[in-house]
N, C-alpha and C. Protein backbone atom coordinates (compact mmCIF):
# COMPACT_ATOMS: atom_id res chain seq x y z
N MET A 1 -20.30 -14.14 32.52
CA MET A 1 -18.87 -14.26 32.24
C MET A 1 -18.51 -13.14 31.27
N ASP A 2 -17.50 -12.40 31.61
CA ASP A 2 -17.05 -11.29 30.77
C ASP A 2 -16.15 -11.80 29.67
N ASN A 3 -16.30 -11.21 28.49
CA ASN A 3 -15.39 -11.51 27.38
C ASN A 3 -14.21 -10.56 27.45
N ILE A 4 -13.19 -10.98 28.12
CA ILE A 4 -11.98 -10.17 28.24
C ILE A 4 -11.05 -10.56 27.10
N PRO A 5 -10.69 -9.57 26.26
CA PRO A 5 -9.80 -9.92 25.16
C PRO A 5 -8.44 -10.36 25.69
N LEU A 6 -7.92 -11.40 25.08
CA LEU A 6 -6.59 -11.89 25.46
C LEU A 6 -5.52 -11.00 24.82
N ASP A 7 -4.49 -10.76 25.55
CA ASP A 7 -3.34 -10.06 24.97
C ASP A 7 -2.57 -11.06 24.14
N LEU A 8 -2.51 -10.80 22.85
CA LEU A 8 -1.80 -11.71 21.97
C LEU A 8 -0.30 -11.45 22.06
N PRO A 9 0.46 -12.51 22.06
CA PRO A 9 1.92 -12.33 22.05
C PRO A 9 2.35 -11.77 20.70
N GLU A 10 3.54 -11.19 20.67
CA GLU A 10 4.05 -10.60 19.44
C GLU A 10 5.35 -11.28 19.05
N VAL A 11 5.55 -11.39 17.75
CA VAL A 11 6.78 -11.97 17.21
C VAL A 11 7.13 -11.21 15.95
N GLU A 12 8.43 -11.06 15.70
CA GLU A 12 8.88 -10.35 14.50
C GLU A 12 10.18 -10.96 13.99
N ILE A 13 10.26 -11.11 12.68
CA ILE A 13 11.50 -11.53 12.04
C ILE A 13 12.32 -10.27 11.78
N THR A 14 13.56 -10.25 12.28
CA THR A 14 14.41 -9.07 12.10
C THR A 14 15.52 -9.29 11.08
N SER A 15 15.84 -10.53 10.82
CA SER A 15 16.86 -10.84 9.82
C SER A 15 16.46 -12.15 9.17
N HIS A 16 16.06 -12.04 8.06
CA HIS A 16 16.19 -11.08 6.97
C HIS A 16 15.02 -10.10 6.99
N ARG A 17 15.11 -9.08 6.13
CA ARG A 17 14.03 -8.10 5.99
C ARG A 17 13.12 -8.49 4.83
N ASN A 18 11.88 -8.06 4.93
CA ASN A 18 10.93 -8.31 3.86
C ASN A 18 11.47 -7.75 2.54
N GLY A 19 11.46 -8.59 1.50
CA GLY A 19 11.93 -8.17 0.18
C GLY A 19 13.40 -8.44 -0.07
N ASP A 20 14.14 -8.93 0.93
CA ASP A 20 15.57 -9.23 0.74
C ASP A 20 15.76 -10.34 -0.29
N TYR A 21 16.96 -10.37 -0.88
CA TYR A 21 17.38 -11.44 -1.77
C TYR A 21 18.30 -12.37 -0.99
N VAL A 22 18.13 -13.68 -1.19
CA VAL A 22 19.00 -14.65 -0.54
C VAL A 22 19.46 -15.67 -1.58
N TYR A 23 20.70 -16.12 -1.43
CA TYR A 23 21.20 -17.19 -2.28
C TYR A 23 20.65 -18.52 -1.80
N LEU A 24 20.34 -19.39 -2.73
CA LEU A 24 19.89 -20.72 -2.37
C LEU A 24 21.11 -21.52 -1.94
N SER A 25 21.33 -21.55 -0.66
CA SER A 25 22.48 -22.27 -0.12
C SER A 25 21.99 -23.30 0.88
N SER A 26 22.88 -24.12 1.36
CA SER A 26 22.49 -25.21 2.24
C SER A 26 22.07 -24.75 3.63
N GLU A 27 22.44 -23.55 4.02
CA GLU A 27 22.13 -23.08 5.37
C GLU A 27 21.52 -21.69 5.34
N LEU A 28 20.47 -21.49 6.13
CA LEU A 28 19.81 -20.20 6.23
C LEU A 28 19.46 -19.97 7.69
N THR A 29 19.87 -18.82 8.24
CA THR A 29 19.55 -18.47 9.62
C THR A 29 18.55 -17.32 9.63
N ILE A 30 17.49 -17.51 10.39
CA ILE A 30 16.46 -16.50 10.59
C ILE A 30 16.56 -16.03 12.03
N ARG A 31 16.51 -14.70 12.24
CA ARG A 31 16.59 -14.12 13.59
C ARG A 31 15.37 -13.25 13.84
N GLY A 32 15.03 -13.10 15.13
CA GLY A 32 13.88 -12.26 15.44
C GLY A 32 13.77 -11.92 16.91
N THR A 33 12.68 -11.24 17.20
CA THR A 33 12.37 -10.83 18.58
C THR A 33 10.92 -11.22 18.86
N SER A 34 10.57 -11.23 20.15
CA SER A 34 9.18 -11.50 20.52
C SER A 34 8.88 -10.84 21.87
N SER A 35 7.62 -10.90 22.25
CA SER A 35 7.19 -10.33 23.53
C SER A 35 7.42 -11.31 24.67
N ASP A 36 7.96 -12.47 24.40
CA ASP A 36 8.21 -13.48 25.43
C ASP A 36 9.28 -12.98 26.40
N THR A 37 9.17 -13.44 27.63
CA THR A 37 10.19 -13.19 28.66
C THR A 37 10.48 -14.52 29.34
N GLY A 38 11.39 -14.50 30.25
CA GLY A 38 11.68 -15.72 31.00
C GLY A 38 10.52 -16.13 31.90
N ASN A 39 9.55 -15.24 32.12
CA ASN A 39 8.42 -15.54 33.01
C ASN A 39 7.19 -16.05 32.26
N THR A 40 7.23 -16.11 30.95
CA THR A 40 6.11 -16.60 30.17
C THR A 40 6.46 -17.95 29.57
N ASN A 41 5.44 -18.66 29.14
CA ASN A 41 5.65 -20.01 28.60
C ASN A 41 5.33 -19.98 27.12
N CYS A 42 6.33 -19.62 26.30
CA CYS A 42 6.12 -19.47 24.87
C CYS A 42 7.11 -20.32 24.08
N THR A 43 6.73 -20.58 22.85
CA THR A 43 7.56 -21.29 21.90
C THR A 43 7.51 -20.53 20.58
N ILE A 44 8.65 -20.50 19.88
CA ILE A 44 8.71 -19.87 18.56
C ILE A 44 8.94 -20.98 17.54
N LEU A 45 8.14 -20.97 16.49
CA LEU A 45 8.28 -21.92 15.38
C LEU A 45 8.51 -21.13 14.10
N ILE A 46 9.31 -21.69 13.20
CA ILE A 46 9.63 -21.03 11.94
C ILE A 46 9.26 -21.96 10.78
N SER A 47 8.71 -21.35 9.74
CA SER A 47 8.32 -22.08 8.54
C SER A 47 8.92 -21.41 7.32
N ILE A 48 9.45 -22.22 6.42
CA ILE A 48 9.88 -21.73 5.11
C ILE A 48 8.89 -22.29 4.10
N ASN A 49 8.21 -21.41 3.39
CA ASN A 49 7.21 -21.79 2.38
C ASN A 49 6.14 -22.73 2.92
N ASN A 50 5.86 -22.59 4.21
CA ASN A 50 4.80 -23.35 4.89
C ASN A 50 5.02 -24.87 4.81
N ILE A 51 6.28 -25.27 4.65
CA ILE A 51 6.60 -26.70 4.60
C ILE A 51 6.73 -27.21 6.03
N GLN A 52 6.01 -28.26 6.32
CA GLN A 52 6.02 -28.83 7.67
C GLN A 52 6.95 -30.02 7.72
N PRO A 53 7.48 -30.38 8.85
CA PRO A 53 7.22 -29.79 10.16
C PRO A 53 7.94 -28.46 10.32
N PHE A 54 7.32 -27.56 11.09
CA PHE A 54 7.95 -26.28 11.38
C PHE A 54 9.12 -26.51 12.32
N GLN A 55 10.08 -25.62 12.25
CA GLN A 55 11.29 -25.78 13.06
C GLN A 55 11.23 -24.89 14.29
N ASN A 56 11.64 -25.44 15.43
CA ASN A 56 11.71 -24.66 16.67
C ASN A 56 12.87 -23.68 16.60
N ALA A 57 12.63 -22.49 17.11
CA ALA A 57 13.71 -21.50 17.23
C ALA A 57 14.42 -21.72 18.57
N SER A 58 15.60 -21.17 18.67
CA SER A 58 16.38 -21.23 19.92
C SER A 58 16.36 -19.86 20.57
N ALA A 59 16.18 -19.86 21.89
CA ALA A 59 16.22 -18.60 22.63
C ALA A 59 17.66 -18.13 22.70
N THR A 60 17.88 -16.85 22.44
CA THR A 60 19.25 -16.31 22.46
C THR A 60 19.39 -15.15 23.43
N ASP A 61 18.36 -14.88 24.23
CA ASP A 61 18.46 -13.78 25.17
C ASP A 61 19.25 -14.22 26.39
N SER A 62 19.77 -13.27 27.11
CA SER A 62 20.67 -13.55 28.24
C SER A 62 19.93 -14.14 29.44
N GLN A 63 18.59 -14.11 29.45
CA GLN A 63 17.84 -14.63 30.60
C GLN A 63 17.61 -16.13 30.53
N GLY A 64 18.15 -16.79 29.55
CA GLY A 64 18.08 -18.25 29.52
C GLY A 64 17.32 -18.82 28.35
N GLU A 65 17.25 -20.16 28.34
CA GLU A 65 16.68 -20.86 27.20
C GLU A 65 15.17 -20.76 27.10
N GLN A 66 14.50 -20.20 28.10
CA GLN A 66 13.05 -20.00 28.03
C GLN A 66 12.67 -18.57 27.66
N ASP A 67 13.67 -17.72 27.44
CA ASP A 67 13.41 -16.31 27.11
C ASP A 67 13.60 -16.11 25.61
N PHE A 68 12.50 -16.07 24.90
CA PHE A 68 12.52 -15.92 23.45
C PHE A 68 12.37 -14.46 23.01
N SER A 69 12.74 -13.53 23.89
CA SER A 69 12.66 -12.13 23.46
C SER A 69 13.61 -11.89 22.29
N ASN A 70 14.69 -12.65 22.23
CA ASN A 70 15.57 -12.71 21.05
C ASN A 70 15.73 -14.18 20.71
N TRP A 71 15.66 -14.49 19.44
CA TRP A 71 15.71 -15.90 19.03
C TRP A 71 16.35 -16.02 17.65
N ASN A 72 16.73 -17.24 17.31
CA ASN A 72 17.19 -17.53 15.95
C ASN A 72 16.86 -18.97 15.61
N SER A 73 16.88 -19.26 14.34
CA SER A 73 16.63 -20.61 13.86
C SER A 73 17.46 -20.81 12.59
N THR A 74 18.31 -21.83 12.60
CA THR A 74 19.15 -22.13 11.46
C THR A 74 18.65 -23.38 10.76
N PHE A 75 18.35 -23.24 9.49
CA PHE A 75 17.92 -24.38 8.67
C PHE A 75 19.15 -24.91 7.95
N SER A 76 19.54 -26.14 8.26
CA SER A 76 20.72 -26.71 7.61
C SER A 76 20.36 -27.41 6.30
N ASN A 77 19.07 -27.56 6.02
CA ASN A 77 18.62 -28.18 4.77
C ASN A 77 17.85 -27.17 3.93
N ALA A 78 18.28 -25.92 3.95
CA ALA A 78 17.53 -24.84 3.29
C ALA A 78 17.38 -25.05 1.79
N THR A 79 18.31 -25.74 1.14
CA THR A 79 18.19 -25.95 -0.31
C THR A 79 16.96 -26.81 -0.64
N ASN A 80 16.50 -27.60 0.31
CA ASN A 80 15.29 -28.41 0.09
C ASN A 80 14.02 -27.60 0.33
N LEU A 81 14.13 -26.45 0.98
CA LEU A 81 12.96 -25.65 1.34
C LEU A 81 12.81 -24.38 0.52
N LEU A 82 13.94 -23.76 0.18
CA LEU A 82 13.91 -22.52 -0.60
C LEU A 82 13.78 -22.82 -2.08
N ARG A 83 13.28 -21.87 -2.83
CA ARG A 83 13.18 -22.02 -4.28
C ARG A 83 13.57 -20.70 -4.94
N LEU A 84 13.89 -20.78 -6.23
CA LEU A 84 14.16 -19.56 -6.98
C LEU A 84 12.91 -18.70 -6.99
N GLY A 85 13.09 -17.39 -6.86
CA GLY A 85 11.94 -16.50 -6.85
C GLY A 85 11.39 -16.31 -5.46
N LYS A 86 10.08 -16.15 -5.36
CA LYS A 86 9.44 -15.78 -4.11
C LYS A 86 9.40 -16.92 -3.09
N ASN A 87 9.79 -16.59 -1.85
CA ASN A 87 9.75 -17.51 -0.72
C ASN A 87 9.11 -16.79 0.44
N SER A 88 8.31 -17.52 1.21
CA SER A 88 7.66 -16.96 2.39
C SER A 88 8.29 -17.56 3.65
N ILE A 89 8.71 -16.68 4.56
CA ILE A 89 9.24 -17.12 5.85
C ILE A 89 8.26 -16.63 6.91
N THR A 90 7.78 -17.55 7.76
CA THR A 90 6.80 -17.18 8.78
C THR A 90 7.31 -17.61 10.14
N SER A 91 7.19 -16.69 11.11
CA SER A 91 7.50 -17.02 12.50
C SER A 91 6.17 -17.05 13.27
N PHE A 92 6.02 -18.07 14.10
CA PHE A 92 4.83 -18.23 14.94
C PHE A 92 5.27 -18.17 16.40
N ILE A 93 4.50 -17.49 17.21
CA ILE A 93 4.71 -17.56 18.65
C ILE A 93 3.45 -18.16 19.25
N VAL A 94 3.63 -19.16 20.07
CA VAL A 94 2.51 -19.81 20.76
C VAL A 94 2.84 -19.77 22.24
N CYS A 95 1.94 -19.14 23.02
CA CYS A 95 2.14 -19.01 24.46
C CYS A 95 0.98 -19.68 25.20
N LEU A 96 1.28 -20.26 26.31
CA LEU A 96 0.27 -20.92 27.14
C LEU A 96 0.13 -20.13 28.42
N ASP A 97 -1.07 -19.61 28.66
CA ASP A 97 -1.35 -18.89 29.91
C ASP A 97 -1.42 -19.93 31.02
N THR A 98 -0.54 -19.84 31.96
CA THR A 98 -0.46 -20.85 33.02
C THR A 98 -1.65 -20.80 33.97
N ASN A 99 -2.32 -19.64 34.09
CA ASN A 99 -3.48 -19.54 34.97
C ASN A 99 -4.71 -20.20 34.35
N SER A 100 -4.96 -19.93 33.09
CA SER A 100 -6.18 -20.45 32.46
C SER A 100 -5.93 -21.60 31.50
N ASN A 101 -4.68 -21.94 31.30
CA ASN A 101 -4.30 -23.00 30.36
C ASN A 101 -4.81 -22.71 28.95
N THR A 102 -4.90 -21.42 28.61
CA THR A 102 -5.39 -21.00 27.31
C THR A 102 -4.21 -20.64 26.41
N PRO A 103 -4.12 -21.27 25.24
CA PRO A 103 -3.03 -20.90 24.32
C PRO A 103 -3.39 -19.64 23.54
N THR A 104 -2.42 -18.83 23.30
CA THR A 104 -2.55 -17.66 22.43
C THR A 104 -1.41 -17.70 21.43
N SER A 105 -1.66 -17.14 20.28
CA SER A 105 -0.61 -17.17 19.27
C SER A 105 -0.74 -16.00 18.32
N SER A 106 0.33 -15.74 17.59
CA SER A 106 0.34 -14.77 16.50
C SER A 106 1.49 -15.15 15.58
N SER A 107 1.58 -14.45 14.47
CA SER A 107 2.63 -14.78 13.50
C SER A 107 3.10 -13.52 12.80
N HIS A 108 4.24 -13.64 12.15
CA HIS A 108 4.80 -12.57 11.33
C HIS A 108 5.47 -13.22 10.13
N SER A 109 5.18 -12.70 8.94
CA SER A 109 5.74 -13.27 7.71
C SER A 109 6.50 -12.23 6.92
N ILE A 110 7.50 -12.70 6.21
CA ILE A 110 8.23 -11.87 5.25
C ILE A 110 8.38 -12.66 3.97
N ASN A 111 8.67 -11.96 2.88
CA ASN A 111 8.96 -12.61 1.60
C ASN A 111 10.42 -12.37 1.24
N LEU A 112 11.07 -13.42 0.79
CA LEU A 112 12.46 -13.35 0.32
C LEU A 112 12.49 -13.83 -1.12
N THR A 113 13.40 -13.28 -1.90
CA THR A 113 13.58 -13.72 -3.28
C THR A 113 14.82 -14.59 -3.36
N GLY A 114 14.63 -15.83 -3.79
CA GLY A 114 15.74 -16.77 -3.90
C GLY A 114 16.51 -16.60 -5.20
N LEU A 115 17.83 -16.52 -5.09
CA LEU A 115 18.75 -16.41 -6.23
C LEU A 115 19.55 -17.70 -6.34
N PRO A 116 20.11 -17.99 -7.52
CA PRO A 116 20.94 -19.20 -7.65
C PRO A 116 22.01 -19.24 -6.57
N GLY A 117 22.28 -20.43 -6.05
CA GLY A 117 23.19 -20.60 -4.93
C GLY A 117 24.54 -19.96 -5.10
N ASP A 118 25.05 -19.36 -4.01
CA ASP A 118 26.35 -18.71 -4.04
C ASP A 118 27.48 -19.71 -4.24
N ASP A 119 27.27 -20.98 -3.83
CA ASP A 119 28.30 -22.00 -4.09
C ASP A 119 28.48 -22.17 -5.59
N ASN A 120 27.34 -22.24 -6.34
CA ASN A 120 27.41 -22.35 -7.79
C ASN A 120 28.02 -21.10 -8.40
N GLN A 121 27.63 -19.93 -7.87
CA GLN A 121 28.14 -18.66 -8.39
C GLN A 121 29.65 -18.59 -8.23
N SER A 122 30.15 -18.97 -7.05
CA SER A 122 31.59 -18.86 -6.84
C SER A 122 32.34 -19.86 -7.70
N SER A 123 31.75 -21.06 -7.93
CA SER A 123 32.40 -22.04 -8.80
C SER A 123 32.44 -21.52 -10.23
N LEU A 124 31.32 -20.99 -10.71
CA LEU A 124 31.29 -20.45 -12.06
C LEU A 124 32.25 -19.28 -12.20
N SER A 125 32.30 -18.44 -11.17
CA SER A 125 33.19 -17.30 -11.19
C SER A 125 34.65 -17.76 -11.25
N SER A 126 34.98 -18.79 -10.48
CA SER A 126 36.35 -19.32 -10.48
C SER A 126 36.71 -19.88 -11.85
N ILE A 127 35.78 -20.64 -12.44
CA ILE A 127 36.04 -21.21 -13.77
C ILE A 127 36.23 -20.10 -14.78
N SER A 128 35.35 -19.11 -14.73
CA SER A 128 35.44 -17.98 -15.65
C SER A 128 36.77 -17.26 -15.49
N ARG A 129 37.20 -17.07 -14.24
CA ARG A 129 38.45 -16.37 -13.97
C ARG A 129 39.63 -17.16 -14.54
N VAL A 130 39.64 -18.50 -14.37
CA VAL A 130 40.72 -19.33 -14.88
C VAL A 130 40.77 -19.25 -16.40
N VAL A 131 39.61 -19.35 -17.06
CA VAL A 131 39.56 -19.27 -18.52
C VAL A 131 40.06 -17.92 -19.00
N ASN A 132 39.56 -16.85 -18.37
CA ASN A 132 39.98 -15.50 -18.78
C ASN A 132 41.47 -15.29 -18.54
N ASP A 133 41.98 -15.74 -17.38
CA ASP A 133 43.40 -15.60 -17.11
C ASP A 133 44.23 -16.36 -18.14
N GLY A 134 43.78 -17.57 -18.51
CA GLY A 134 44.49 -18.36 -19.50
C GLY A 134 44.50 -17.69 -20.86
N LEU A 135 43.36 -17.13 -21.26
CA LEU A 135 43.29 -16.43 -22.55
C LEU A 135 44.17 -15.19 -22.54
N GLU A 136 44.11 -14.43 -21.44
CA GLU A 136 44.94 -13.23 -21.35
C GLU A 136 46.41 -13.58 -21.43
N LYS A 137 46.82 -14.66 -20.75
CA LYS A 137 48.22 -15.08 -20.77
C LYS A 137 48.62 -15.50 -22.18
N GLN A 138 47.73 -16.24 -22.85
CA GLN A 138 48.03 -16.69 -24.20
C GLN A 138 48.17 -15.50 -25.15
N ILE A 139 47.27 -14.54 -25.06
CA ILE A 139 47.34 -13.35 -25.92
C ILE A 139 48.60 -12.55 -25.62
N THR A 140 48.92 -12.40 -24.34
CA THR A 140 50.12 -11.66 -23.95
C THR A 140 51.37 -12.34 -24.49
N GLU A 141 51.44 -13.68 -24.39
CA GLU A 141 52.59 -14.43 -24.91
C GLU A 141 52.70 -14.28 -26.43
N GLN A 142 51.55 -14.29 -27.13
CA GLN A 142 51.58 -14.12 -28.58
C GLN A 142 52.11 -12.74 -28.94
N HIS A 143 51.67 -11.71 -28.22
CA HIS A 143 52.15 -10.35 -28.49
C HIS A 143 53.64 -10.23 -28.20
N LYS A 144 54.09 -10.83 -27.10
CA LYS A 144 55.52 -10.79 -26.78
C LYS A 144 56.33 -11.46 -27.87
N SER A 145 55.86 -12.63 -28.31
CA SER A 145 56.57 -13.37 -29.35
C SER A 145 56.59 -12.57 -30.64
N SER A 146 55.46 -12.00 -31.01
CA SER A 146 55.38 -11.20 -32.23
C SER A 146 56.25 -9.95 -32.12
N ASP A 147 56.22 -9.29 -30.98
CA ASP A 147 57.05 -8.09 -30.79
C ASP A 147 58.54 -8.45 -30.84
N GLN A 148 58.90 -9.59 -30.26
CA GLN A 148 60.30 -10.02 -30.26
C GLN A 148 60.75 -10.33 -31.68
N SER A 149 59.90 -10.97 -32.49
CA SER A 149 60.25 -11.27 -33.88
C SER A 149 60.47 -9.99 -34.66
N ARG A 150 59.58 -9.01 -34.48
CA ARG A 150 59.74 -7.72 -35.17
C ARG A 150 61.03 -7.04 -34.76
N THR A 151 61.30 -7.06 -33.46
CA THR A 151 62.52 -6.42 -32.96
C THR A 151 63.75 -7.09 -33.56
N ASN A 152 63.76 -8.42 -33.58
CA ASN A 152 64.90 -9.14 -34.14
C ASN A 152 65.07 -8.82 -35.62
N LEU A 153 63.97 -8.75 -36.36
CA LEU A 153 64.02 -8.45 -37.78
C LEU A 153 64.50 -7.02 -38.02
N GLN A 154 64.01 -6.08 -37.23
CA GLN A 154 64.39 -4.69 -37.41
C GLN A 154 65.85 -4.44 -37.03
N ASN A 155 66.35 -5.16 -36.07
CA ASN A 155 67.72 -4.95 -35.61
C ASN A 155 68.76 -5.72 -36.43
N ASN A 156 68.33 -6.56 -37.35
CA ASN A 156 69.26 -7.34 -38.16
C ASN A 156 69.43 -6.65 -39.51
N PRO A 157 70.60 -6.03 -39.77
CA PRO A 157 70.80 -5.31 -41.02
C PRO A 157 70.86 -6.24 -42.23
N TYR A 158 71.06 -7.53 -42.06
CA TYR A 158 71.18 -8.45 -43.17
C TYR A 158 69.90 -9.24 -43.44
N ALA A 159 68.86 -8.91 -42.71
CA ALA A 159 67.60 -9.64 -42.88
C ALA A 159 67.01 -9.35 -44.24
N ARG A 160 66.58 -10.38 -44.92
CA ARG A 160 65.96 -10.22 -46.23
C ARG A 160 64.60 -10.92 -46.21
N PRO A 161 63.56 -10.19 -46.51
CA PRO A 161 62.27 -10.87 -46.62
C PRO A 161 62.29 -11.82 -47.80
N ILE A 162 61.67 -12.94 -47.68
CA ILE A 162 61.62 -13.92 -48.76
C ILE A 162 60.24 -13.88 -49.36
N HIS A 163 60.19 -13.71 -50.68
CA HIS A 163 58.93 -13.71 -51.40
C HIS A 163 58.89 -14.93 -52.28
N HIS A 164 57.86 -15.71 -52.19
CA HIS A 164 57.71 -16.90 -53.01
C HIS A 164 56.73 -16.61 -54.13
N ASN A 165 57.09 -17.03 -55.34
CA ASN A 165 56.20 -16.91 -56.47
C ASN A 165 56.18 -18.27 -57.15
N ASN A 166 55.04 -18.91 -57.17
CA ASN A 166 54.94 -20.25 -57.73
C ASN A 166 54.94 -20.26 -59.26
N ASP A 167 54.77 -19.15 -59.88
CA ASP A 167 54.74 -19.07 -61.34
C ASP A 167 56.18 -18.90 -61.85
N GLN A 168 56.79 -19.96 -62.36
CA GLN A 168 58.18 -19.93 -62.79
C GLN A 168 58.37 -19.18 -64.11
N SER A 169 57.27 -18.97 -64.86
CA SER A 169 57.42 -18.32 -66.16
C SER A 169 57.66 -16.83 -66.02
N GLN A 170 57.25 -16.25 -64.90
CA GLN A 170 57.50 -14.83 -64.70
C GLN A 170 58.77 -14.66 -63.90
N GLY A 171 59.41 -13.55 -64.10
CA GLY A 171 60.63 -13.29 -63.35
C GLY A 171 60.32 -13.02 -61.90
N GLN A 172 61.21 -13.46 -61.06
CA GLN A 172 61.04 -13.21 -59.64
C GLN A 172 61.78 -11.95 -59.27
N SER A 173 61.20 -11.19 -58.38
CA SER A 173 61.94 -10.03 -57.90
C SER A 173 62.25 -10.25 -56.44
N GLN A 174 63.39 -9.81 -56.03
CA GLN A 174 63.82 -9.95 -54.65
C GLN A 174 64.16 -8.58 -54.11
N SER A 175 63.87 -8.40 -52.86
CA SER A 175 64.26 -7.18 -52.17
C SER A 175 65.38 -7.52 -51.23
N THR A 176 66.38 -6.73 -51.24
CA THR A 176 67.48 -6.92 -50.30
C THR A 176 67.79 -5.58 -49.67
N LEU A 177 68.31 -5.68 -48.47
CA LEU A 177 68.75 -4.47 -47.78
C LEU A 177 70.25 -4.37 -47.93
N SER A 178 70.68 -3.22 -48.33
CA SER A 178 72.11 -3.00 -48.42
C SER A 178 72.60 -2.79 -46.99
N PRO A 179 73.59 -3.56 -46.56
CA PRO A 179 74.02 -3.45 -45.17
C PRO A 179 74.54 -2.06 -44.82
N ASN A 180 75.06 -1.32 -45.77
CA ASN A 180 75.64 -0.02 -45.45
C ASN A 180 74.62 1.10 -45.48
N SER A 181 73.68 1.05 -46.39
CA SER A 181 72.81 2.20 -46.57
C SER A 181 71.45 2.05 -45.95
N GLY A 182 71.01 0.83 -45.71
CA GLY A 182 69.66 0.62 -45.22
C GLY A 182 68.65 0.81 -46.35
N GLN A 183 69.12 1.06 -47.61
CA GLN A 183 68.24 1.25 -48.77
C GLN A 183 67.90 -0.09 -49.36
N SER A 184 66.72 -0.17 -49.89
CA SER A 184 66.27 -1.40 -50.51
C SER A 184 66.53 -1.32 -52.01
N THR A 185 67.02 -2.42 -52.55
CA THR A 185 67.23 -2.48 -53.98
C THR A 185 66.42 -3.61 -54.51
N THR A 186 65.89 -3.48 -55.71
CA THR A 186 65.08 -4.53 -56.30
C THR A 186 65.72 -4.93 -57.62
N GLY A 187 65.75 -6.22 -57.86
CA GLY A 187 66.33 -6.65 -59.12
C GLY A 187 65.71 -7.97 -59.54
N ASN A 188 65.93 -8.31 -60.82
CA ASN A 188 65.47 -9.59 -61.34
C ASN A 188 66.70 -10.48 -61.47
N PRO A 189 66.62 -11.73 -61.13
CA PRO A 189 67.80 -12.62 -61.24
C PRO A 189 68.14 -12.96 -62.65
């Protein structure tokens, strides 16, 4: 009996790429290609961090649901599988030779770095934006009010600043603006 090497099927993850960053969100879709055709009997399985059970991929090629030359797999519970930092995504292809009933398989893995969920990021960003907008509006209103007070004071020729002195034993001095000259005069009462 000759030892004829079996041709191993091939599988590759095309989306995402090795080293990509992903947000920890509730849904993650993995896409890929394989050597499968509509004439072979193969299955694609996907694993996130080697957590079982592995998920079946769906064939997306135009030759039908048995053609896994293009495939994808969407995890709707990805927040339970992904973690902050390093994550391993592995695709497995398992094919059954119909003549000899011999299974063959291979795999392809990539690493992804998990970041805090984008849902949390957008919520924090929204809160931050509301707080900043509120502070900016408050500061702007204070400046407008202060500018308006200065304008009113400067445009009023009869305005007199009031100085309070709690010490009654010393003479008080008052400043007044002469309505005609704009000159300030100081006197003791």
